[in-house]
PDB file of N, CA and C in Angstrom:
ATOM      1  N   MET A   1      99.644  42.860 175.232  1.00  0.00           N
ATOM      2  CA  MET A   1      98.879  41.735 175.701  1.00  0.00           C
ATOM      3  C   MET A   1      99.717  40.924 176.668  1.00  0.00           C
ATOM      4  N   LEU A   2      99.059  40.379 177.638  1.00  0.00           N
ATOM      5  CA  LEU A   2      99.753  39.652 178.699  1.00  0.00           C
ATOM      6  C   LEU A   2      99.561  38.142 178.600  1.00  0.00           C
ATOM      7  N   LEU A   3      99.283  37.657 177.414  1.00  0.00           N
ATOM      8  CA  LEU A   3      99.080  36.223 177.232  1.00  0.00           C
ATOM      9  C   LEU A   3     100.331  35.440 177.601  1.00  0.00           C
ATOM     10  N   GLY A   4     100.139  34.256 178.134  1.00  0.00           N
ATOM     11  CA  GLY A   4     101.259  33.419 178.528  1.00  0.00           C
ATOM     12  C   GLY A   4     101.808  32.557 177.409  1.00  0.00           C
ATOM     13  N   ASP A   5     101.141  32.551 176.255  1.00  0.00           N
ATOM     14  CA  ASP A   5     101.569  31.737 175.122  1.00  0.00           C
ATOM     15  C   ASP A   5     102.435  32.552 174.169  1.00  0.00           C
ATOM     16  N   ALA A   6     103.400  31.870 173.549  1.00  0.00           N
ATOM     17  CA  ALA A   6     104.258  32.514 172.550  1.00  0.00           C
ATOM     18  C   ALA A   6     103.402  32.936 171.354  1.00  0.00           C
ATOM     19  N   PRO A   7     103.723  34.022 170.723  1.00  0.00           N
ATOM     20  CA  PRO A   7     104.858  34.902 170.971  1.00  0.00           C
ATOM     21  C   PRO A   7     104.592  35.969 172.032  1.00  0.00           C
ATOM     22  N   TRP A   8     103.328  36.062 172.487  1.00  0.00           N
ATOM     23  CA  TRP A   8     102.947  37.117 173.430  1.00  0.00           C
ATOM     24  C   TRP A   8     103.625  36.984 174.787  1.00  0.00           C
ATOM     25  N   SER A   9     104.001  35.799 175.170  1.00  0.00           N
ATOM     26  CA  SER A   9     104.601  35.591 176.493  1.00  0.00           C
ATOM     27  C   SER A   9     105.880  36.386 176.678  1.00  0.00           C
ATOM     28  N   ALA A  10     106.573  36.692 175.609  1.00  0.00           N
ATOM     29  CA  ALA A  10     107.820  37.457 175.698  1.00  0.00           C
ATOM     30  C   ALA A  10     107.573  38.930 176.001  1.00  0.00           C
ATOM     31  N   VAL A  11     106.376  39.408 175.753  1.00  0.00           N
ATOM     32  CA  VAL A  11     106.081  40.831 175.947  1.00  0.00           C
ATOM     33  C   VAL A  11     106.175  41.228 177.414  1.00  0.00           C
ATOM     34  N   ARG A  12     105.661  40.413 178.305  1.00  0.00           N
ATOM     35  CA  ARG A  12     105.622  40.775 179.734  1.00  0.00           C
ATOM     36  C   ARG A  12     107.004  41.087 180.276  1.00  0.00           C
ATOM     37  N   ASP A  13     108.019  40.345 179.847  1.00  0.00           N
ATOM     38  CA  ASP A  13     109.388  40.582 180.317  1.00  0.00           C
ATOM     39  C   ASP A  13     109.944  41.921 179.845  1.00  0.00           C
ATOM     40  N   LEU A  14     109.357  42.494 178.831  1.00  0.00           N
ATOM     41  CA  LEU A  14     109.813  43.781 178.306  1.00  0.00           C
ATOM     42  C   LEU A  14     109.159  44.968 179.006  1.00  0.00           C
ATOM     43  N   LEU A  15     108.181  44.688 179.839  1.00  0.00           N
ATOM     44  CA  LEU A  15     107.433  45.748 180.501  1.00  0.00           C
ATOM     45  C   LEU A  15     107.910  45.957 181.930  1.00  0.00           C
ATOM     46  N   ASP A  16     108.059  47.211 182.306  1.00  0.00           N
ATOM     47  CA  ASP A  16     108.383  47.526 183.696  1.00  0.00           C
ATOM     48  C   ASP A  16     107.148  47.384 184.580  1.00  0.00           C
ATOM     49  N   TYR A  17     106.004  47.701 184.010  1.00  0.00           N
ATOM     50  CA  TYR A  17     104.775  47.722 184.790  1.00  0.00           C
ATOM     51  C   TYR A  17     103.612  47.490 183.831  1.00  0.00           C
ATOM     52  N   ALA A  18     102.718  46.609 184.184  1.00  0.00           N
ATOM     53  CA  ALA A  18     101.578  46.307 183.317  1.00  0.00           C
ATOM     54  C   ALA A  18     100.279  46.654 184.027  1.00  0.00           C
ATOM     55  N   VAL A  19      99.434  47.388 183.331  1.00  0.00           N
ATOM     56  CA  VAL A  19      98.128  47.775 183.854  1.00  0.00           C
ATOM     57  C   VAL A  19      97.057  47.107 182.993  1.00  0.00           C
ATOM     58  N   PHE A  20      96.101  46.478 183.649  1.00  0.00           N
ATOM     59  CA  PHE A  20      94.979  45.838 182.969  1.00  0.00           C
ATOM     60  C   PHE A  20      93.731  46.631 183.324  1.00  0.00           C
ATOM     61  N   ILE A  21      93.048  47.138 182.321  1.00  0.00           N
ATOM     62  CA  ILE A  21      91.806  47.870 182.552  1.00  0.00           C
ATOM     63  C   ILE A  21      90.655  46.933 182.206  1.00  0.00           C
ATOM     64  N   HIS A  22      89.902  46.553 183.226  1.00  0.00           N
ATOM     65  CA  HIS A  22      88.799  45.617 183.028  1.00  0.00           C
ATOM     66  C   HIS A  22      87.489  46.366 182.865  1.00  0.00           C
ATOM     67  N   VAL A  23      86.749  45.987 181.836  1.00  0.00           N
ATOM     68  CA  VAL A  23      85.431  46.543 181.562  1.00  0.00           C
ATOM     69  C   VAL A  23      84.450  45.372 181.517  1.00  0.00           C
ATOM     70  N   ASP A  24      83.263  45.568 182.051  1.00  0.00           N
ATOM     71  CA  ASP A  24      82.238  44.533 182.058  1.00  0.00           C
ATOM     72  C   ASP A  24      81.982  44.010 180.645  1.00  0.00           C
ATOM     73  N   ARG A  25      81.892  42.705 180.521  1.00  0.00           N
ATOM     74  CA  ARG A  25      81.718  42.056 179.217  1.00  0.00           C
ATOM     75  C   ARG A  25      80.453  42.535 178.507  1.00  0.00           C
ATOM     76  N   GLU A  26      79.362  42.679 179.218  1.00  0.00           N
ATOM     77  CA  GLU A  26      78.108  43.123 178.595  1.00  0.00           C
ATOM     78  C   GLU A  26      78.208  44.564 178.101  1.00  0.00           C
ATOM     79  N   LEU A  27      78.952  45.395 178.819  1.00  0.00           N
ATOM     80  CA  LEU A  27      79.167  46.768 178.365  1.00  0.00           C
ATOM     81  C   LEU A  27      80.001  46.773 177.091  1.00  0.00           C
ATOM     82  N   VAL A  28      81.024  45.946 177.052  1.00  0.00           N
ATOM     83  CA  VAL A  28      81.842  45.825 175.844  1.00  0.00           C
ATOM     84  C   VAL A  28      80.972  45.384 174.668  1.00  0.00           C
ATOM     85  N   LYS A  29      80.136  44.405 174.899  1.00  0.00           N
ATOM     86  CA  LYS A  29      79.250  43.898 173.848  1.00  0.00           C
ATOM     87  C   LYS A  29      78.324  45.003 173.332  1.00  0.00           C
ATOM     88  N   ALA A  30      77.722  45.754 174.242  1.00  0.00           N
ATOM     89  CA  ALA A  30      76.815  46.840 173.850  1.00  0.00           C
ATOM     90  C   ALA A  30      77.547  47.924 173.064  1.00  0.00           C
ATOM     91  N   ARG A  31      78.742  48.266 173.507  1.00  0.00           N
ATOM     92  CA  ARG A  31      79.518  49.295 172.805  1.00  0.00           C
ATOM     93  C   ARG A  31      79.923  48.827 171.409  1.00  0.00           C
ATOM     94  N   LEU A  32      80.314  47.560 171.300  1.00  0.00           N
ATOM     95  CA  LEU A  32      80.680  47.022 169.991  1.00  0.00           C
ATOM     96  C   LEU A  32      79.489  47.036 169.045  1.00  0.00           C
ATOM     97  N   LEU A  33      78.337  46.638 169.541  1.00  0.00           N
ATOM     98  CA  LEU A  33      77.141  46.627 168.707  1.00  0.00           C
ATOM     99  C   LEU A  33      76.800  48.043 168.239  1.00  0.00           C
ATOM    100  N   ARG A  34      76.908  48.992 169.138  1.00  0.00           N
ATOM    101  CA  ARG A  34      76.641  50.385 168.767  1.00  0.00           C
ATOM    102  C   ARG A  34      77.652  50.874 167.729  1.00  0.00           C
ATOM    103  N   ARG A  35      78.934  50.587 167.967  1.00  0.00           N
ATOM    104  CA  ARG A  35      79.979  51.048 167.044  1.00  0.00           C
ATOM    105  C   ARG A  35      79.812  50.415 165.665  1.00  0.00           C
ATOM    106  N   HIS A  36      79.595  49.104 165.626  1.00  0.00           N
ATOM    107  CA  HIS A  36      79.409  48.438 164.336  1.00  0.00           C
ATOM    108  C   HIS A  36      78.163  48.979 163.636  1.00  0.00           C
ATOM    109  N   GLY A  37      77.119  49.265 164.396  1.00  0.00           N
ATOM    110  CA  GLY A  37      75.903  49.818 163.815  1.00  0.00           C
ATOM    111  C   GLY A  37      76.115  51.205 163.243  1.00  0.00           C
ATOM    112  N   GLU A  38      76.906  52.019 163.927  1.00  0.00           N
ATOM    113  CA  GLU A  38      77.189  53.372 163.453  1.00  0.00           C
ATOM    114  C   GLU A  38      77.987  53.351 162.158  1.00  0.00           C
ATOM    115  N   GLU A  39      78.799  52.308 161.971  1.00  0.00           N
ATOM    116  CA  GLU A  39      79.558  52.188 160.727  1.00  0.00           C
ATOM    117  C   GLU A  39      78.622  51.948 159.550  1.00  0.00           C
ATOM    118  N   GLY A  40      77.492  51.305 159.813  1.00  0.00           N
ATOM    119  CA  GLY A  40      76.465  51.116 158.805  1.00  0.00           C
ATOM    120  C   GLY A  40      76.812  50.179 157.659  1.00  0.00           C
ATOM    121  N   LEU A  41      77.803  49.341 157.840  1.00  0.00           N
ATOM    122  CA  LEU A  41      78.223  48.470 156.749  1.00  0.00           C
ATOM    123  C   LEU A  41      77.405  47.185 156.656  1.00  0.00           C
ATOM    124  N   PHE A  42      76.894  46.723 157.792  1.00  0.00           N
ATOM    125  CA  PHE A  42      76.215  45.431 157.820  1.00  0.00           C
ATOM    126  C   PHE A  42      74.923  45.532 158.626  1.00  0.00           C
ATOM    127  N   THR A  43      74.119  44.495 158.533  1.00  0.00           N
ATOM    128  CA  THR A  43      72.874  44.446 159.296  1.00  0.00           C
ATOM    129  C   THR A  43      73.179  44.219 160.774  1.00  0.00           C
ATOM    130  N   GLU A  44      72.205  44.518 161.619  1.00  0.00           N
ATOM    131  CA  GLU A  44      72.380  44.279 163.050  1.00  0.00           C
ATOM    132  C   GLU A  44      72.619  42.795 163.328  1.00  0.00           C
ATOM    133  N   GLU A  45      71.918  41.943 162.603  1.00  0.00           N
ATOM    134  CA  GLU A  45      72.093  40.498 162.785  1.00  0.00           C
ATOM    135  C   GLU A  45      73.526  40.069 162.460  1.00  0.00           C
ATOM    136  N   ARG A  46      74.055  40.589 161.373  1.00  0.00           N
ATOM    137  CA  ARG A  46      75.428  40.259 160.985  1.00  0.00           C
ATOM    138  C   ARG A  46      76.406  40.808 162.012  1.00  0.00           C
ATOM    139  N   ASN A  47      76.168  42.015 162.509  1.00  0.00           N
ATOM    140  CA  ASN A  47      77.041  42.605 163.525  1.00  0.00           C
ATOM    141  C   ASN A  47      77.028  41.778 164.805  1.00  0.00           C
ATOM    142  N   ARG A  48      75.850  41.345 165.234  1.00  0.00           N
ATOM    143  CA  ARG A  48      75.755  40.503 166.436  1.00  0.00           C
ATOM    144  C   ARG A  48      76.527  39.198 166.252  1.00  0.00           C
ATOM    145  N   ALA A  49      76.390  38.594 165.085  1.00  0.00           N
ATOM    146  CA  ALA A  49      77.098  37.338 164.809  1.00  0.00           C
ATOM    147  C   ALA A  49      78.607  37.551 164.844  1.00  0.00           C
ATOM    148  N   HIS A  50      79.073  38.643 164.269  1.00  0.00           N
ATOM    149  CA  HIS A  50      80.506  38.945 164.265  1.00  0.00           C
ATOM    150  C   HIS A  50      81.024  39.153 165.689  1.00  0.00           C
ATOM    151  N   ILE A  51      80.263  39.870 166.476  1.00  0.00           N
ATOM    152  CA  ILE A  51      80.666  40.120 167.864  1.00  0.00           C
ATOM    153  C   ILE A  51      80.760  38.807 168.628  1.00  0.00           C
ATOM    154  N   GLU A  52      79.775  37.940 168.465  1.00  0.00           N
ATOM    155  CA  GLU A  52      79.774  36.649 169.169  1.00  0.00           C
ATOM    156  C   GLU A  52      80.895  35.732 168.677  1.00  0.00           C
ATOM    157  N   ARG A  53      81.172  35.772 167.395  1.00  0.00           N
ATOM    158  CA  ARG A  53      82.149  34.871 166.790  1.00  0.00           C
ATOM    159  C   ARG A  53      83.587  35.368 166.942  1.00  0.00           C
ATOM    160  N   ASN A  54      83.789  36.672 166.940  1.00  0.00           N
ATOM    161  CA  ASN A  54      85.134  37.225 166.889  1.00  0.00           C
ATOM    162  C   ASN A  54      85.495  38.067 168.114  1.00  0.00           C
ATOM    163  N   ASP A  55      84.732  39.111 168.352  1.00  0.00           N
ATOM    164  CA  ASP A  55      85.101  40.084 169.382  1.00  0.00           C
ATOM    165  C   ASP A  55      85.029  39.521 170.797  1.00  0.00           C
ATOM    166  N   LEU A  56      83.943  38.838 171.132  1.00  0.00           N
ATOM    167  CA  LEU A  56      83.806  38.328 172.498  1.00  0.00           C
ATOM    168  C   LEU A  56      84.779  37.197 172.821  1.00  0.00           C
ATOM    169  N   PRO A  57      85.076  36.284 171.889  1.00  0.00           N
ATOM    170  CA  PRO A  57      86.138  35.318 172.192  1.00  0.00           C
ATOM    171  C   PRO A  57      87.489  35.991 172.445  1.00  0.00           C
ATOM    172  N   ASN A  58      87.788  37.057 171.710  1.00  0.00           N
ATOM    173  CA  ASN A  58      89.021  37.805 171.971  1.00  0.00           C
ATOM    174  C   ASN A  58      88.974  38.464 173.345  1.00  0.00           C
ATOM    175  N   PHE A  59      87.823  39.037 173.688  1.00  0.00           N
ATOM    176  CA  PHE A  59      87.658  39.631 175.016  1.00  0.00           C
ATOM    177  C   PHE A  59      87.924  38.584 176.091  1.00  0.00           C
ATOM    178  N   ASP A  60      87.317  37.411 175.941  1.00  0.00           N
ATOM    179  CA  ASP A  60      87.467  36.346 176.935  1.00  0.00           C
ATOM    180  C   ASP A  60      88.920  35.901 177.058  1.00  0.00           C
ATOM    181  N   LEU A  61      89.609  35.798 175.940  1.00  0.00           N
ATOM    182  CA  LEU A  61      91.014  35.399 175.947  1.00  0.00           C
ATOM    183  C   LEU A  61      91.864  36.408 176.713  1.00  0.00           C
ATOM    184  N   VAL A  62      91.680  37.668 176.411  1.00  0.00           N
ATOM    185  CA  VAL A  62      92.467  38.718 177.059  1.00  0.00           C
ATOM    186  C   VAL A  62      92.073  38.864 178.526  1.00  0.00           C
ATOM    187  N   ASP A  63      90.796  38.738 178.824  1.00  0.00           N
ATOM    188  CA  ASP A  63      90.317  38.904 180.197  1.00  0.00           C
ATOM    189  C   ASP A  63      90.973  37.912 181.157  1.00  0.00           C
ATOM    190  N   LYS A  64      91.312  36.748 180.658  1.00  0.00           N
ATOM    191  CA  LYS A  64      91.948  35.724 181.492  1.00  0.00           C
ATOM    192  C   LYS A  64      93.375  36.084 181.894  1.00  0.00           C
ATOM    193  N   THR A  65      93.941  37.124 181.299  1.00  0.00           N
ATOM    194  CA  THR A  65      95.343  37.467 181.561  1.00  0.00           C
ATOM    195  C   THR A  65      95.513  38.524 182.645  1.00  0.00           C
ATOM    196  N   ARG A  66      94.435  38.976 183.229  1.00  0.00           N
ATOM    197  CA  ARG A  66      94.547  40.090 184.182  1.00  0.00           C
ATOM    198  C   ARG A  66      95.443  39.766 185.370  1.00  0.00           C
ATOM    199  N   ASP A  67      95.551  38.491 185.727  1.00  0.00           N
ATOM    200  CA  ASP A  67      96.404  38.118 186.859  1.00  0.00           C
ATOM    201  C   ASP A  67      97.886  38.318 186.562  1.00  0.00           C
ATOM    202  N   ARG A  68      98.250  38.559 185.317  1.00  0.00           N
ATOM    203  CA  ARG A  68      99.649  38.814 184.963  1.00  0.00           C
ATOM    204  C   ARG A  68      99.994  40.306 185.050  1.00  0.00           C
ATOM    205  N   ALA A  69      99.004  41.131 185.322  1.00  0.00           N
ATOM    206  CA  ALA A  69      99.227  42.574 185.427  1.00  0.00           C
ATOM    207  C   ALA A  69      99.651  42.945 186.842  1.00  0.00           C
ATOM    208  N   ASP A  70     100.371  44.054 186.932  1.00  0.00           N
ATOM    209  CA  ASP A  70     100.765  44.581 188.240  1.00  0.00           C
ATOM    210  C   ASP A  70      99.605  45.310 188.904  1.00  0.00           C
ATOM    211  N   LEU A  71      98.746  45.883 188.089  1.00  0.00           N
ATOM    212  CA  LEU A  71      97.611  46.649 188.589  1.00  0.00           C
ATOM    213  C   LEU A  71      96.405  46.362 187.709  1.00  0.00           C
ATOM    214  N   VAL A  72      95.280  46.081 188.335  1.00  0.00           N
ATOM    215  CA  VAL A  72      94.024  45.889 187.610  1.00  0.00           C
ATOM    216  C   VAL A  72      93.083  47.013 188.009  1.00  0.00           C
ATOM    217  N   ILE A  73      92.594  47.722 187.018  1.00  0.00           N
ATOM    218  CA  ILE A  73      91.637  48.802 187.236  1.00  0.00           C
ATOM    219  C   ILE A  73      90.276  48.321 186.754  1.00  0.00           C
ATOM    220  N   GLU A  74      89.292  48.387 187.632  1.00  0.00           N
ATOM    221  CA  GLU A  74      87.923  48.042 187.262  1.00  0.00           C
ATOM    222  C   GLU A  74      87.248  49.313 186.767  1.00  0.00           C
ATOM    223  N   LEU A  75      86.939  49.355 185.499  1.00  0.00           N
ATOM    224  CA  LEU A  75      86.305  50.521 184.908  1.00  0.00           C
ATOM    225  C   LEU A  75      84.797  50.360 185.025  1.00  0.00           C
ATOM    226  N   ASN A  76      84.182  51.161 185.853  1.00  0.00           N
ATOM    227  CA  ASN A  76      82.742  51.103 186.085  1.00  0.00           C
ATOM    228  C   ASN A  76      82.097  52.346 185.495  1.00  0.00           C
ATOM    229  N   VAL A  77      81.565  52.195 184.298  1.00  0.00           N
ATOM    230  CA  VAL A  77      80.936  53.315 183.603  1.00  0.00           C
ATOM    231  C   VAL A  77      79.639  52.843 182.973  1.00  0.00           C
ATOM    232  N   SER A  78      78.818  53.794 182.579  1.00  0.00           N
ATOM    233  CA  SER A  78      77.608  53.448 181.846  1.00  0.00           C
ATOM    234  C   SER A  78      77.945  53.407 180.364  1.00  0.00           C
ATOM    235  N   GLN A  79      76.966  52.983 179.587  1.00  0.00           N
ATOM    236  CA  GLN A  79      77.179  52.853 178.145  1.00  0.00           C
ATOM    237  C   GLN A  79      77.469  54.198 177.558  1.00  0.00           C
TER     238      GLN A  79
END
């Protein structure tokens, strides 16, 4: 992770080269919903709530760090 806050901020100095692979947020959301659904542990409503409460805030946090990478790859794929 390329976060600027401790303890993650120390990681960047240990890397010779950092690559950030960016995927569209809506695609990430759709894939997470599909994956959680395939696990079959919870209802779709519960899975959506978990994604909104946990997974997408993490995505947003990490997505803000792309400017600390040496190379950013835009991954353009379908679901």
